[in-house]
């Protein structure tokens, strides 16, 4: 059983992925974070007692910020806030996203600027550790004032309301807590606002998307390298001297990956045999590399957001001013980065589909549609249809959500980011791209087999003609999909290779 310690300042994307995807991982609150949380809470209690006018503590919310709320109604104010803002619609977010949200919100609160009680924060962590996963509808956030609706559904369960999944059962929130040996929390002053104000849903979706996109960049290099061998590609386009003259880091990394994967291959074009290849092969470093650089930008943005104070107002215990109202809840940094991430990953699918089509229509190097008896057999013909459909869908999904804004809360919240839509779209694009790369990998493995057959010799002898990295990739694919002599039902093979892509196992070919 692994463990992740949070203190509000050092949470990483890798730790988010571990907690999100391994429910046995336990989260522990650092001692220094507990002290900060308690100091911040003391200030909130003094403000309530003194009836100081402070947004969200002794006032209403949004357009109702001018309404003073007396101390005796502070708990009701926070309870009403959570209940009234739980207005999400659509299918629930996947459990891994909900787990990431619970972790990220706990880490944000652990920074000690939200004014929440320590016992409330510990109850949130206990919910995560015991596997109580709130049912959170995916739609309803405009991404400024943060992810209000999704986080309200999360906070409802902490209060014993709403719904949660516990050990595979969908239960009322209170019943789920009791089944896990936990008790609901009655929210005190500021706590409802502290729980629902911020970019937690888009950050959770974004952290998982960035992790998966980084893996796809590696898999795309593997797929491109295997296709290069199946199509007798020209290795000159990957010469490091070429890329040193245009020193984008991602471009250089992708070129180096393809060279390493195909080192010593006997299936590539011999010197002088061809002038150069189509762009989908020749420009792999330039396209894949640009995607790598875009994903790296998104990674930096998400990494900062994971350890940022995104509540409002923020409670300071180290200076003369104790409460500052601002806009750290606004999702614009993530919205732009996640729109960029989606656009970039869509390009991996776009160029992969072109390589797939080239494998099926190779100008006589390989049989039409990768079948020796084409006509009677359709071979891999319709795999390109599926890839084309997914690439086209990605083009629709890649339209940026961040260029839109609809004012909310009576015009007080008059510019919003739509960042959670950006995050959900990026996740869909990644899933589509995993499938497109799986289709290319299957076709490239078939193409390599057909090249071997044309050259004769035993299977092991033919297999040795591959580069060391592409050989590892080929073996992983062939463990799931056989060489296809005639037409077969393909969808189960496609899913098996897609799981290879999504799991990260194909990235091992680069090691």
Protein backbone atom coordinates (compact mmCIF):
# COMPACT_ATOMS: atom_id res chain seq x y z
CA UNK A 1 0.00 0.00 0.00
CA UNK A 2 1.50 3.32 -1.07
CA UNK A 3 1.16 6.64 0.74
CA UNK A 4 1.09 10.28 -0.38
CA UNK A 5 1.69 13.07 2.13
CA UNK A 6 0.14 16.45 1.35
CA UNK A 7 1.14 19.84 2.70
CA UNK A 8 -0.37 22.18 0.11
CA UNK A 9 2.94 22.91 -1.53
CA UNK A 10 4.55 19.86 -3.14
CA UNK A 11 1.81 17.74 -4.75
CA UNK A 12 2.85 16.40 -8.17
CA UNK A 13 0.91 15.22 -11.20
CA UNK A 14 2.37 11.74 -10.73
CA UNK A 15 1.04 11.64 -7.15
CA UNK A 16 -2.39 12.72 -8.37
CA UNK A 17 -2.36 9.86 -10.89
CA UNK A 18 -1.30 7.32 -8.26
CA UNK A 19 -4.06 8.33 -5.84
CA UNK A 20 -6.66 8.61 -8.59
CA UNK A 21 -5.97 5.22 -10.14
CA UNK A 22 -4.99 3.16 -7.11
CA UNK A 23 -7.69 3.25 -4.44
CA UNK A 24 -5.40 1.51 -1.94
CA UNK A 25 -3.11 4.56 -1.80
CA UNK A 26 -3.50 6.42 1.50
CA UNK A 27 -3.28 10.20 1.85
CA UNK A 28 -1.70 11.71 4.95
CA UNK A 29 -1.77 15.35 6.07
CA UNK A 30 1.62 16.80 7.01
CA UNK A 31 1.98 18.16 10.56
CA UNK A 32 3.14 21.59 9.42
CA UNK A 33 0.00 21.89 7.30
CA UNK A 34 -2.18 21.18 10.33
CA UNK A 35 -0.64 24.13 12.18
CA UNK A 36 -1.27 26.49 9.25
CA UNK A 37 -4.88 25.36 8.92
CA UNK A 38 -5.52 25.96 12.61
CA UNK A 39 -4.01 29.47 12.56
CA UNK A 40 -6.16 30.41 9.57
CA UNK A 41 -9.27 29.05 11.26
CA UNK A 42 -8.69 31.13 14.38
CA UNK A 43 -8.81 34.30 12.28
CA UNK A 44 -12.12 33.28 10.72
CA UNK A 45 -13.68 32.68 14.11
CA UNK A 46 -12.52 36.10 15.34
CA UNK A 47 -14.04 37.75 12.28
CA UNK A 48 -17.38 36.05 12.90
CA UNK A 49 -17.38 36.99 16.57
CA UNK A 50 -16.58 40.64 15.79
CA UNK A 51 -19.22 40.73 13.01
CA UNK A 52 -16.67 42.20 10.63
CA UNK A 53 -18.05 42.49 7.09
CA UNK A 54 -16.08 39.94 5.07
CA UNK A 55 -17.26 38.41 1.81
CA UNK A 56 -18.58 34.89 2.15
CA UNK A 57 -18.10 34.83 5.91
CA UNK A 58 -20.55 37.48 7.08
CA UNK A 59 -22.13 38.30 3.69
CA UNK A 60 -24.02 36.53 0.95
CA UNK A 61 -22.38 35.36 -2.27
CA UNK A 62 -21.95 36.68 -5.81
CA UNK A 63 -24.55 39.35 -6.54
CA UNK A 64 -25.74 38.99 -2.92
CA UNK A 65 -22.39 40.14 -1.52
CA UNK A 66 -24.06 43.23 0.01
CA UNK A 67 -26.32 41.21 2.32
CA UNK A 68 -24.95 41.01 5.88
CA UNK A 69 -25.33 37.63 7.61
CA UNK A 70 -25.40 37.55 11.41
CA UNK A 71 -23.21 35.07 13.35
CA UNK A 72 -26.19 32.94 14.38
CA UNK A 73 -26.89 32.23 10.71
CA UNK A 74 -23.30 31.49 9.64
CA UNK A 75 -23.73 27.70 9.62
CA UNK A 76 -27.02 27.93 7.75
CA UNK A 77 -25.36 30.24 5.21
CA UNK A 78 -22.67 27.68 4.42
CA UNK A 79 -25.11 24.76 4.31
CA UNK A 80 -27.42 26.68 1.97
CA UNK A 81 -24.49 27.62 -0.26
CA UNK A 82 -23.56 23.99 -0.88
CA UNK A 83 -27.12 22.81 -1.38
CA UNK A 84 -28.08 25.64 -3.75
CA UNK A 85 -24.94 25.23 -5.88
CA UNK A 86 -25.30 21.45 -6.42
CA UNK A 87 -26.91 21.93 -9.83
CA UNK A 88 -24.73 19.70 -12.03
CA UNK A 89 -26.19 17.70 -14.88
CA UNK A 90 -25.07 14.87 -17.14
CA UNK A 91 -23.27 11.61 -16.56
CA UNK A 92 -21.14 11.37 -13.41
CA UNK A 93 -17.43 12.02 -13.63
CA UNK A 94 -15.35 8.80 -13.57
CA UNK A 95 -14.23 7.65 -10.13
CA UNK A 96 -10.58 8.35 -10.93
CA UNK A 97 -11.46 11.99 -11.60
CA UNK A 98 -13.45 12.21 -8.36
CA UNK A 99 -10.54 10.75 -6.40
CA UNK A 100 -8.21 13.29 -8.02
CA UNK A 101 -10.64 16.06 -7.06
CA UNK A 102 -10.75 14.94 -3.42
CA UNK A 103 -6.96 14.87 -3.26
CA UNK A 104 -6.43 18.23 -4.98
CA UNK A 105 -9.07 19.96 -2.85
CA UNK A 106 -7.53 18.57 0.33
CA UNK A 107 -4.10 19.76 -0.78
CA UNK A 108 -5.45 23.23 -1.58
CA UNK A 109 -7.03 23.49 1.86
CA UNK A 110 -3.82 22.23 3.47
CA UNK A 111 -2.05 25.39 2.33
CA UNK A 112 -3.74 27.16 5.21
CA UNK A 113 -5.40 30.13 3.46
CA UNK A 114 -9.01 28.90 3.29
CA UNK A 115 -9.99 29.24 6.96
CA UNK A 116 -11.43 25.74 7.18
CA UNK A 117 -11.45 23.72 10.41
CA UNK A 118 -8.83 21.00 10.70
CA UNK A 119 -11.53 18.43 11.49
CA UNK A 120 -13.34 19.25 8.23
CA UNK A 121 -10.16 18.85 6.19
CA UNK A 122 -9.41 15.54 7.94
CA UNK A 123 -12.96 14.35 7.21
CA UNK A 124 -12.39 15.10 3.52
CA UNK A 125 -9.17 13.07 3.53
CA UNK A 126 -10.86 10.24 5.43
CA UNK A 127 -13.57 10.10 2.76
CA UNK A 128 -10.88 9.64 0.11
CA UNK A 129 -8.96 7.05 2.11
CA UNK A 130 -12.11 5.02 2.87
CA UNK A 131 -13.22 4.99 -0.78
CA UNK A 132 -16.33 7.16 -0.47
CA UNK A 133 -16.56 8.74 -3.91
CA UNK A 134 -19.20 11.45 -4.40
CA UNK A 135 -21.38 11.19 -7.50
CA UNK A 136 -20.47 14.38 -9.37
CA UNK A 137 -22.29 15.28 -12.61
CA UNK A 138 -19.77 16.21 -15.29
CA UNK A 139 -21.52 19.33 -16.60
CA UNK A 140 -22.46 22.64 -15.03
CA UNK A 141 -19.23 24.51 -14.33
CA UNK A 142 -18.39 27.75 -16.14
CA UNK A 143 -14.86 27.72 -14.69
CA UNK A 144 -14.87 30.96 -12.70
CA UNK A 145 -15.72 31.29 -9.08
CA UNK A 146 -14.17 27.95 -9.81
CA UNK A 147 -15.93 24.65 -10.34
CA UNK A 148 -18.87 25.55 -8.13
CA UNK A 149 -21.38 22.90 -9.20
CA UNK A 150 -19.00 19.90 -9.26
CA UNK A 151 -17.47 20.85 -5.92
CA UNK A 152 -20.88 21.41 -4.36
CA UNK A 153 -21.81 17.83 -5.22
CA UNK A 154 -18.54 16.76 -3.56
CA UNK A 155 -19.25 18.81 -0.43
CA UNK A 156 -22.82 17.50 -0.19
CA UNK A 157 -21.52 14.03 0.65
CA UNK A 158 -19.24 15.42 3.34
CA UNK A 159 -22.43 16.86 4.88
CA UNK A 160 -24.21 13.50 4.62
CA UNK A 161 -26.30 14.54 1.63
CA UNK A 162 -26.10 13.88 -2.11
CA UNK A 163 -24.97 10.51 -3.43
CA UNK A 164 -21.74 8.54 -3.37
CA UNK A 165 -20.26 5.34 -4.70
CA UNK A 166 -18.93 3.02 -2.03
CA UNK A 167 -17.55 -0.40 -2.91
CA UNK A 168 -19.42 -0.41 -6.20
CA UNK A 169 -22.79 0.65 -4.76
CA UNK A 170 -24.47 4.01 -5.38
CA UNK A 171 -25.82 5.16 -2.03
CA UNK A 172 -27.24 8.28 -0.37
CA UNK A 173 -24.32 10.32 0.95
CA UNK A 174 -25.04 9.73 4.62
CA UNK A 175 -25.43 5.98 4.12
CA UNK A 176 -22.15 5.81 2.18
CA UNK A 177 -20.34 7.62 5.01
CA UNK A 178 -21.83 5.34 7.67
CA UNK A 179 -20.94 2.25 5.62
CA UNK A 180 -17.32 3.46 5.62
CA UNK A 181 -17.38 4.14 9.37
CA UNK A 182 -17.53 7.93 8.97
CA UNK A 183 -19.87 10.66 10.22
CA UNK A 184 -21.20 13.68 8.34
CA UNK A 185 -19.72 17.12 9.04
CA UNK A 186 -21.78 20.17 9.95
CA UNK A 187 -20.21 23.10 8.11
CA UNK A 188 -19.11 26.14 10.13
CA UNK A 189 -18.47 29.71 8.95
CA UNK A 190 -16.57 30.00 5.63
CA UNK A 191 -16.37 26.22 5.16
CA UNK A 192 -18.94 25.84 2.39
CA UNK A 193 -17.17 28.51 0.38
CA UNK A 194 -13.78 26.95 1.13
CA UNK A 195 -14.98 23.62 -0.22
CA UNK A 196 -16.58 24.75 -3.48
CA UNK A 197 -14.61 27.80 -4.66
CA UNK A 198 -11.73 26.98 -7.02
CA UNK A 199 -10.49 25.12 -10.09
CA UNK A 200 -10.44 21.62 -8.60
CA UNK A 201 -12.48 19.74 -11.22
CA UNK A 202 -10.58 21.16 -14.19
CA UNK A 203 -7.27 20.62 -12.38
CA UNK A 204 -8.16 16.98 -11.68
CA UNK A 205 -9.20 16.33 -15.26
CA UNK A 206 -6.16 18.27 -16.45
CA UNK A 207 -3.64 16.39 -14.31
CA UNK A 208 -4.85 13.03 -15.59
CA UNK A 209 -5.00 14.35 -19.17
CA UNK A 210 -1.44 15.72 -19.05
CA UNK A 211 -0.12 12.42 -17.69
CA UNK A 212 -1.88 10.46 -20.44
CA UNK A 213 -0.83 12.94 -23.14
CA UNK A 214 2.82 12.62 -22.15
CA UNK A 215 2.47 8.87 -22.60
CA UNK A 216 0.81 9.34 -25.99
CA UNK A 217 3.78 11.38 -27.21
CA UNK A 218 6.03 8.39 -26.57
CA UNK A 219 3.57 5.92 -28.11
CA UNK A 220 3.23 8.12 -31.19
CA UNK A 221 7.01 7.95 -31.69
CA UNK A 222 6.84 4.15 -31.37
CA UNK A 223 3.98 3.92 -33.86
CA UNK A 224 5.72 6.26 -36.28
CA UNK A 225 8.94 4.26 -36.06
CA UNK A 226 7.16 0.95 -36.72
CA UNK A 227 5.31 2.47 -39.68
CA UNK A 228 8.60 3.87 -40.97
CA UNK A 229 10.02 0.33 -41.07
CA UNK A 230 6.88 -1.18 -42.60
CA UNK A 231 7.07 1.43 -45.37
CA UNK A 232 10.86 1.28 -45.94
CA UNK A 233 11.22 4.87 -44.78
CA UNK A 234 14.28 7.08 -45.17
CA UNK A 235 16.14 7.51 -41.86
CA UNK A 236 17.93 10.70 -42.94
CA UNK A 237 15.00 12.83 -41.75
CA UNK A 238 15.90 11.91 -38.15
CA UNK A 239 19.59 12.86 -38.32
CA UNK A 240 20.46 14.87 -35.16
CA UNK A 241 22.47 17.36 -37.23
CA UNK A 242 19.28 18.39 -38.99
CA UNK A 243 17.41 18.98 -35.74
CA UNK A 244 20.26 20.83 -34.10
CA UNK A 245 19.61 23.57 -36.66
CA UNK A 246 16.02 24.00 -35.42
CA UNK A 247 16.51 23.24 -31.73
CA UNK A 248 13.00 22.86 -30.41
CA UNK A 249 13.37 20.44 -27.51
CA UNK A 250 10.37 18.30 -28.41
CA UNK A 251 11.48 17.98 -32.02
CA UNK A 252 14.94 16.85 -30.99
CA UNK A 253 13.51 14.34 -28.51
CA UNK A 254 11.12 12.77 -31.02
CA UNK A 255 13.85 12.49 -33.67
CA UNK A 256 16.18 10.85 -31.15
CA UNK A 257 13.42 8.44 -30.10
CA UNK A 258 12.80 7.23 -33.67
CA UNK A 259 16.52 6.76 -34.29
CA UNK A 260 16.91 4.79 -31.07
CA UNK A 261 13.87 2.62 -31.80
CA UNK A 262 15.04 1.75 -35.33
CA UNK A 263 18.80 1.56 -34.77
CA UNK A 264 20.26 -1.19 -36.94
CA UNK A 265 16.96 -1.92 -38.69
CA UNK A 266 17.22 -3.75 -42.01
CA UNK A 267 13.76 -2.65 -43.10
CA UNK A 268 14.52 1.03 -43.64
CA UNK A 269 15.49 2.41 -47.03
CA UNK A 270 19.13 1.97 -48.00
CA UNK A 271 21.24 5.08 -48.78
CA UNK A 272 20.30 6.43 -52.20
CA UNK A 273 17.30 4.11 -52.53
CA UNK A 274 14.73 6.91 -52.05
CA UNK A 275 14.99 10.69 -51.95
CA UNK A 276 12.55 11.23 -49.11
CA UNK A 277 9.16 10.19 -47.68
CA UNK A 278 5.73 11.84 -47.45
CA UNK A 279 5.32 14.35 -44.63
CA UNK A 280 3.52 11.88 -42.35
CA UNK A 281 6.84 10.00 -42.06
CA UNK A 282 9.44 12.63 -42.84
CA UNK A 283 7.97 15.24 -40.48
CA UNK A 284 7.38 12.99 -37.47
CA UNK A 285 9.90 14.94 -35.34
CA UNK A 286 8.46 18.31 -36.28
CA UNK A 287 4.83 17.34 -35.58
CA UNK A 288 5.31 15.00 -32.62
CA UNK A 289 7.89 17.37 -31.19
CA UNK A 290 5.56 20.38 -31.34
CA UNK A 291 2.97 18.31 -29.49
CA UNK A 292 5.55 17.42 -26.84
CA UNK A 293 6.30 21.08 -26.27
CA UNK A 294 2.59 21.92 -25.98
CA UNK A 295 2.03 19.12 -23.48
CA UNK A 296 5.01 20.34 -21.47
CA UNK A 297 3.41 23.79 -21.27
CA UNK A 298 0.18 22.27 -19.97
CA UNK A 299 2.18 20.20 -17.48
CA UNK A 300 3.79 23.33 -16.05
CA UNK A 301 0.44 25.11 -15.69
CA UNK A 302 -1.24 22.15 -13.98
CA UNK A 303 1.74 21.60 -11.67
CA UNK A 304 1.49 25.20 -10.46
CA UNK A 305 -2.28 24.95 -10.00
CA UNK A 306 -2.04 21.82 -7.85
CA UNK A 307 -0.20 23.81 -5.18
CA UNK A 308 -2.04 27.13 -5.42
CA UNK A 309 -4.50 28.84 -3.10
CA UNK A 310 -7.63 29.12 -5.26
CA UNK A 311 -10.30 30.06 -2.70
CA UNK A 312 -11.82 33.51 -2.12
CA UNK A 313 -11.42 35.34 0.12
CA UNK A 314 -8.01 34.16 1.32
CA UNK A 315 -7.13 34.29 5.00
CA UNK A 316 -3.62 35.52 5.86
CA UNK A 317 -2.14 35.01 9.31
CA UNK A 318 1.30 36.51 8.73
CA UNK A 319 0.71 40.23 8.16
CA UNK A 320 -1.39 43.28 8.93
CA UNK A 321 -4.06 42.51 6.33
CA UNK A 322 -5.82 39.30 7.32
CA UNK A 323 -8.41 38.87 4.56
CA UNK A 324 -7.94 39.60 0.83
CA UNK A 325 -10.67 39.14 -1.74
CA UNK A 326 -9.43 38.45 -5.26
CA UNK A 327 -9.86 36.12 -8.21
CA UNK A 328 -7.57 33.10 -7.80
CA UNK A 329 -10.60 30.92 -8.51
CA UNK A 330 -10.68 32.01 -12.15
CA UNK A 331 -9.82 29.12 -14.44
CA UNK A 332 -8.30 31.07 -17.34
CA UNK A 333 -4.73 29.72 -16.95
CA UNK A 334 -6.02 26.15 -17.07
CA UNK A 335 -8.63 26.84 -19.75
CA UNK A 336 -6.04 28.13 -22.21
CA UNK A 337 -3.54 25.37 -21.39
CA UNK A 338 -6.12 22.59 -21.67
CA UNK A 339 -7.52 23.93 -24.93
CA UNK A 340 -3.93 23.95 -26.23
CA UNK A 341 -3.44 20.41 -24.92
CA UNK A 342 -6.50 19.17 -26.78
CA UNK A 343 -5.46 20.85 -30.02
CA UNK A 344 -1.96 19.40 -29.72
CA UNK A 345 -3.03 15.81 -29.01
CA UNK A 346 -5.51 15.98 -31.88
CA UNK A 347 -2.50 16.48 -34.16
CA UNK A 348 -1.01 13.17 -32.99
CA UNK A 349 -4.18 11.46 -34.21
CA UNK A 350 -4.23 13.46 -37.43
CA UNK A 351 -0.73 12.49 -38.56
CA UNK A 352 -1.20 8.92 -37.30
CA UNK A 353 -4.28 8.51 -39.51
CA UNK A 354 -2.21 9.66 -42.51
CA UNK A 355 0.44 7.02 -41.77
CA UNK A 356 -2.30 4.41 -41.44
CA UNK A 357 -3.68 5.37 -44.85
CA UNK A 358 -0.15 5.21 -46.30
CA UNK A 359 0.23 1.65 -44.94
CA UNK A 360 -3.01 0.63 -46.66
CA UNK A 361 -2.12 2.35 -49.94
CA UNK A 362 1.64 2.05 -50.27
CA UNK A 363 2.08 2.25 -54.06
CA UNK A 364 2.89 -1.45 -54.38
CA UNK A 365 5.34 -1.86 -51.51
CA UNK A 366 2.66 -3.69 -49.48
CA UNK A 367 -0.50 -5.49 -50.70
CA UNK A 368 -3.62 -3.30 -50.94
CA UNK A 369 -5.17 -2.85 -47.48
CA UNK A 370 -2.53 -5.19 -46.04
CA UNK A 371 -4.15 -8.37 -47.38
CA UNK A 372 -2.45 -10.85 -49.72
CA UNK A 373 -5.86 -11.80 -51.10
CA UNK A 374 -7.46 -8.37 -51.31
CA UNK A 375 -10.79 -8.38 -53.09
CA UNK A 376 -12.00 -11.53 -51.44
CA UNK A 377 -10.72 -9.93 -48.21
CA UNK A 378 -11.04 -6.27 -47.23
CA UNK A 379 -8.09 -6.52 -44.87
CA UNK A 380 -7.49 -3.33 -42.87
CA UNK A 381 -9.56 -1.15 -45.21
CA UNK A 382 -12.15 0.00 -42.68
CA UNK A 383 -9.71 0.60 -39.84
CA UNK A 384 -8.93 3.82 -41.69
CA UNK A 385 -12.65 4.67 -41.68
CA UNK A 386 -12.67 4.48 -37.90
CA UNK A 387 -9.49 6.51 -37.64
CA UNK A 388 -10.94 9.13 -39.98
CA UNK A 389 -14.11 9.35 -37.89
CA UNK A 390 -12.11 9.83 -34.69
CA UNK A 391 -9.82 12.43 -36.26
CA UNK A 392 -12.85 14.34 -37.54
CA UNK A 393 -14.47 14.19 -34.10
CA UNK A 394 -11.26 15.52 -32.58
CA UNK A 395 -11.42 18.51 -34.90
CA UNK A 396 -14.82 19.40 -33.48
CA UNK A 397 -13.65 18.83 -29.90
CA UNK A 398 -10.50 20.90 -30.46
CA UNK A 399 -12.48 24.12 -30.85
CA UNK A 400 -11.35 26.11 -27.80
CA UNK A 401 -13.87 26.54 -25.00
CA UNK A 402 -11.83 29.37 -23.48
CA UNK A 403 -12.85 31.84 -26.20
CA UNK A 404 -16.39 31.86 -24.82
CA UNK A 405 -17.78 33.63 -21.77
CA UNK A 406 -21.35 34.04 -20.51
CA UNK A 407 -21.83 36.39 -17.51
CA UNK A 408 -23.28 34.85 -14.35
CA UNK A 409 -24.55 35.91 -10.92
CA UNK A 410 -26.44 38.97 -12.04
CA UNK A 411 -23.47 40.25 -14.01
CA UNK A 412 -21.10 40.37 -11.02
CA UNK A 413 -19.23 37.36 -12.37
CA UNK A 414 -19.08 38.85 -15.84
CA UNK A 415 -16.17 36.93 -17.37
CA UNK A 416 -15.73 33.18 -16.99
CA UNK A 417 -13.21 30.69 -18.39
CA UNK A 418 -15.23 27.60 -19.38
CA UNK A 419 -12.06 25.74 -18.36
CA UNK A 420 -13.81 22.60 -17.18
CA UNK A 421 -15.26 22.18 -20.67
CA UNK A 422 -11.70 22.56 -22.01
CA UNK A 423 -10.58 19.81 -19.64
CA UNK A 424 -13.39 17.41 -20.53
CA UNK A 425 -12.78 17.92 -24.24
CA UNK A 426 -9.04 17.29 -23.84
CA UNK A 427 -9.84 14.00 -22.09
CA UNK A 428 -12.10 12.91 -24.98
CA UNK A 429 -9.49 13.85 -27.56
CA UNK A 430 -6.89 11.78 -25.70
CA UNK A 431 -9.18 8.74 -25.66
CA UNK A 432 -9.86 9.09 -29.39
CA UNK A 433 -6.15 9.46 -30.10
CA UNK A 434 -5.35 6.32 -28.12
CA UNK A 435 -7.65 4.43 -30.47
CA UNK A 436 -6.17 5.98 -33.63
CA UNK A 437 -2.63 5.10 -32.53
CA UNK A 438 -3.80 1.56 -31.74
CA UNK A 439 -5.11 1.22 -35.29
CA UNK A 440 -1.82 2.45 -36.74
CA UNK A 441 0.18 0.07 -34.56
CA UNK A 442 -1.91 -2.91 -35.67
CA UNK A 443 -1.52 -1.97 -39.32
CA UNK A 444 2.22 -1.30 -38.95
CA UNK A 445 2.75 -4.74 -37.37
CA UNK A 446 0.79 -6.32 -40.25
CA UNK A 447 2.86 -4.34 -42.72
CA UNK A 448 6.11 -5.50 -41.13
CA UNK A 449 4.92 -9.11 -41.34
CA UNK A 450 4.15 -8.66 -45.01
CA UNK A 451 7.60 -7.19 -45.62
CA UNK A 452 9.13 -10.24 -43.95
CA UNK A 453 7.01 -12.63 -45.97
CA UNK A 454 8.20 -11.02 -49.20
CA UNK A 455 11.82 -11.50 -48.08
CA UNK A 456 11.39 -15.12 -46.95
CA UNK A 457 13.07 -16.83 -44.00
CA UNK A 458 11.77 -18.05 -40.63
CA UNK A 459 9.79 -15.80 -38.33
CA UNK A 460 12.62 -15.24 -35.84
CA UNK A 461 15.00 -14.46 -38.65
CA UNK A 462 12.54 -11.97 -40.13
CA UNK A 463 11.83 -10.45 -36.71
CA UNK A 464 15.54 -9.72 -36.26
CA UNK A 465 15.39 -7.22 -39.14
CA UNK A 466 13.56 -4.74 -36.89
CA UNK A 467 15.25 -2.15 -34.72
CA UNK A 468 15.60 -3.00 -31.01
CA UNK A 469 12.79 -0.70 -29.88
CA UNK A 470 10.35 -1.49 -32.64
CA UNK A 471 11.01 -5.19 -32.04
CA UNK A 472 9.84 -4.78 -28.43
CA UNK A 473 6.75 -2.92 -29.62
CA UNK A 474 6.05 -5.55 -32.28
CA UNK A 475 6.23 -8.34 -29.70
CA UNK A 476 3.76 -6.53 -27.40
CA UNK A 477 1.33 -6.06 -30.29
CA UNK A 478 1.67 -9.63 -31.47
CA UNK A 479 0.91 -10.87 -27.95
CA UNK A 480 -2.54 -9.33 -28.47
CA UNK A 481 -3.13 -9.54 -32.23
CA UNK A 482 -1.94 -12.29 -34.61
CA UNK A 483 -0.83 -11.78 -38.18
CA UNK A 484 -4.10 -11.83 -40.12
CA UNK A 485 -4.11 -14.14 -43.15
CA UNK A 486 -7.78 -13.45 -43.90
CA UNK A 487 -10.60 -11.19 -42.69
CA UNK A 488 -11.55 -11.54 -39.03
CA UNK A 489 -13.61 -9.59 -36.52
CA UNK A 490 -11.25 -6.81 -35.49
CA UNK A 491 -12.91 -4.79 -32.74
CA UNK A 492 -11.63 -6.92 -29.85
CA UNK A 493 -8.09 -6.71 -31.23
CA UNK A 494 -8.42 -2.94 -31.53
CA UNK A 495 -9.52 -2.66 -27.91
CA UNK A 496 -6.66 -4.87 -26.75
CA UNK A 497 -4.06 -2.70 -28.48
CA UNK A 498 -5.79 0.46 -27.27
CA UNK A 499 -5.36 -0.85 -23.73
CA UNK A 500 -1.66 -1.37 -24.47
CA UNK A 501 -1.49 2.27 -25.51
CA UNK A 502 -3.49 3.59 -22.54
CA UNK A 503 -1.65 1.48 -19.96
CA UNK A 504 1.74 2.87 -20.95
CA UNK A 505 3.19 -0.59 -21.65
CA UNK A 506 4.13 0.35 -25.21
CA UNK A 507 6.28 3.15 -23.85
CA UNK A 508 8.65 0.40 -22.63
CA UNK A 509 9.83 0.07 -26.21
CA UNK A 510 11.70 3.34 -25.70
CA UNK A 511 13.65 2.07 -22.68
